[in-house]
Protein backbone atom coordinates (compact mmCIF):
# COMPACT_ATOMS: atom_id res chain seq x y z
CA HIS A 1 -16.40 -3.92 14.03
CA LYS A 2 -16.16 -7.82 15.60
CA ASP A 3 -12.48 -8.07 15.54
CA ILE A 4 -12.57 -4.53 17.53
CA LEU A 5 -14.67 -5.82 19.92
CA SER A 6 -12.81 -9.17 20.36
CA ASN A 7 -9.16 -7.48 20.69
CA LEU A 8 -10.52 -5.02 23.11
CA LYS A 9 -12.06 -7.84 25.40
CA LEU A 10 -8.51 -9.26 25.04
CA LYS A 11 -6.77 -6.41 26.11
CA SER A 12 -9.27 -5.71 29.06
CA MET A 13 -8.53 -9.41 30.08
CA GLY A 14 -4.85 -8.00 30.19
CA LEU A 15 -3.84 -10.40 27.61
CA LYS A 16 -2.43 -9.55 23.75
CA MET A 17 -4.23 -8.56 21.46
CA LYS A 18 -4.52 -10.39 18.08
CA GLN A 19 -2.89 -8.82 14.81
CA ILE A 20 -5.39 -9.08 12.31
CA ILE A 21 -4.58 -7.79 8.71
CA TYR A 22 -7.11 -8.17 5.98
CA ASN A 23 -6.03 -7.77 2.19
CA PHE A 24 -7.73 -5.81 -0.39
CA GLU A 25 -6.53 -7.08 -3.88
CA GLU A 26 -7.79 -5.28 -7.14
CA ILE A 27 -8.50 -2.25 -4.90
CA ARG A 28 -10.15 -0.56 -7.77
CA ASN A 29 -13.20 -2.85 -7.82
CA PHE A 30 -13.71 -2.18 -3.87
CA PHE A 31 -13.64 1.49 -4.06
CA GLU A 32 -15.12 2.53 -7.55
CA ASP A 33 -18.44 3.51 -6.72
CA ASN A 34 -18.33 2.42 -3.40
CA PRO A 35 -18.48 5.12 -0.60
CA GLU A 36 -19.05 2.56 2.11
CA VAL A 37 -16.21 0.28 1.37
CA VAL A 38 -14.25 3.71 1.39
CA LYS A 39 -15.20 4.89 4.36
CA LEU A 40 -14.56 1.49 5.95
CA CYS A 41 -10.99 1.31 4.77
CA LYS A 42 -10.28 4.81 5.49
CA THR A 43 -11.04 3.86 9.14
CA ILE A 44 -8.81 0.86 9.29
CA VAL A 45 -5.95 3.37 7.96
CA PHE A 46 -6.60 5.78 10.56
CA GLU A 47 -8.04 3.87 13.53
CA GLY A 48 -6.86 0.58 12.75
CA ARG A 49 -3.94 0.41 14.49
CA LYS A 50 -4.86 1.00 18.03
CA PHE A 51 -6.54 -2.37 17.59
CA GLN A 52 -3.83 -4.54 15.83
CA ILE A 53 -5.93 -4.01 12.47
CA GLN A 54 -4.28 -3.53 9.35
CA GLY A 55 -5.03 -3.30 5.74
CA ASN A 56 -3.02 -4.32 2.98
CA PHE A 57 -4.21 -2.62 -0.78
CA ILE A 58 -2.92 -3.86 -3.81
CA GLY A 59 -3.77 -2.51 -6.74
CA GLN A 60 -2.17 -1.61 -10.44
CA LYS A 61 -1.95 2.37 -10.52
CA VAL A 62 -2.07 4.85 -7.62
CA GLU A 63 -5.37 6.66 -9.46
CA HIS A 64 -7.16 3.75 -8.34
CA PHE A 65 -6.34 4.43 -4.46
CA PRO A 66 -8.39 7.40 -2.96
CA ILE A 67 -6.46 9.86 -2.00
CA GLU A 68 -7.40 10.18 1.96
CA ILE A 69 -6.40 6.12 2.17
CA LEU A 70 -2.91 7.10 0.32
CA LYS A 71 -1.87 9.48 2.75
CA GLY A 72 -2.70 7.53 5.95
CA CYS A 73 -0.81 4.47 4.53
CA GLN A 74 2.47 4.28 6.55
CA THR A 75 3.97 2.04 3.85
CA ILE A 76 3.85 2.03 0.20
CA SER A 77 5.61 -0.48 -2.18
CA PHE A 78 5.30 -0.84 -5.70
CA LEU A 79 6.83 -2.24 -8.86
CA LEU A 80 7.24 0.58 -12.00
CA PRO A 81 5.59 -0.31 -14.92
CA PRO A 82 7.30 -1.32 -18.07
CA ARG A 83 6.22 1.38 -20.27
CA LEU A 84 7.99 4.84 -19.65
CA GLU A 85 4.83 6.67 -20.02
CA ASP A 86 3.59 4.48 -17.05
CA LYS A 87 6.48 5.12 -14.96
CA GLN A 88 6.26 9.10 -15.57
CA SER A 89 2.51 9.14 -14.42
CA LEU A 90 3.55 6.90 -11.34
CA LYS A 91 6.16 9.22 -10.73
CA LYS A 92 4.28 12.04 -10.87
CA ASP A 93 1.35 10.72 -8.73
CA LEU A 94 3.94 9.78 -6.06
CA MET A 95 5.89 13.03 -6.60
CA GLU A 96 2.76 15.05 -5.80
CA LEU A 97 1.59 12.41 -3.07
CA TYR A 98 5.12 13.06 -0.81
CA LYS A 99 6.38 16.57 -1.90
CA ASP A 100 7.87 16.94 1.48
CA LEU A 101 10.32 13.97 0.83
CA PRO A 102 13.08 14.49 -1.85
CA SER A 103 14.09 10.92 -1.80
CA VAL A 104 11.08 9.54 -3.57
CA GLU A 105 12.30 11.18 -6.65
CA TYR A 106 16.01 9.79 -6.59
CA LEU A 107 14.13 6.27 -5.59
CA ILE A 108 11.94 6.49 -8.89
CA ASP A 109 14.61 7.65 -10.99
CA ASN A 110 17.28 4.72 -10.24
CA LEU A 111 14.85 1.81 -9.74
CA GLU A 112 15.34 -1.00 -12.00
CA THR A 113 13.51 -3.45 -13.27
CA HIS A 114 12.10 -6.19 -10.73
CA THR A 115 13.16 -3.99 -7.70
CA LEU A 116 10.78 -3.01 -5.21
CA GLY A 117 10.27 0.68 -4.72
CA ILE A 118 9.35 1.05 -0.69
CA ILE A 119 8.05 4.70 0.61
CA SER A 120 7.37 4.81 4.38
CA ASN A 121 7.19 7.32 7.00
CA LEU A 122 10.83 6.43 7.84
CA GLY A 123 12.41 7.10 4.25
CA THR A 124 12.81 5.36 0.70
CA TYR A 125 14.14 2.01 0.15
CA SER A 126 14.83 -0.66 -2.35
CA CYS A 127 14.46 -4.14 -2.56
CA LYS A 128 16.17 -5.87 -5.80
CA LEU A 129 13.43 -9.28 -6.20
CA ASP A 130 15.53 -12.59 -7.89
CA ILE A 131 13.16 -13.49 -10.85
CA THR A 132 14.04 -16.21 -12.77
CA PRO A 133 13.12 -16.25 -16.43
CA GLU A 134 10.58 -19.04 -15.88
CA GLU A 135 8.83 -17.10 -13.77
CA LEU A 136 8.51 -14.32 -15.78
CA LYS A 137 7.19 -16.48 -18.15
CA ILE A 138 4.10 -17.94 -15.73
CA PHE A 139 3.69 -14.39 -14.11
CA ALA A 140 4.46 -11.51 -16.56
CA VAL A 141 1.53 -9.96 -18.38
């Protein structure tokens, strides 16, 4: 609320509103059994753009995100899970969410390891990440 008022004040003075980004990591911990947080995040997703407020929601599985929030996101990026059954589950979830965007299936079917999949209101994209063996030792679980 404070950020909205601050940006509205800047706008009323003819100044540029500040870009504000909220990051929510391990989103399951925020959304699980917490409808007030879900409501707040829905407001960020659907109303925040008017006030230069954005949200980054980071989670490990699609099912950790409330569907109404996913549908409001302009861009979703993801890495494929290593296990085949998890990849198939991710594909099913994303195909259900983006049934009107046929390039999603092609994107998922053709992603390689360490390639970022990106689905946006502009289409689908991929970006190969350059990860060294040393980085994999440190960050891979």
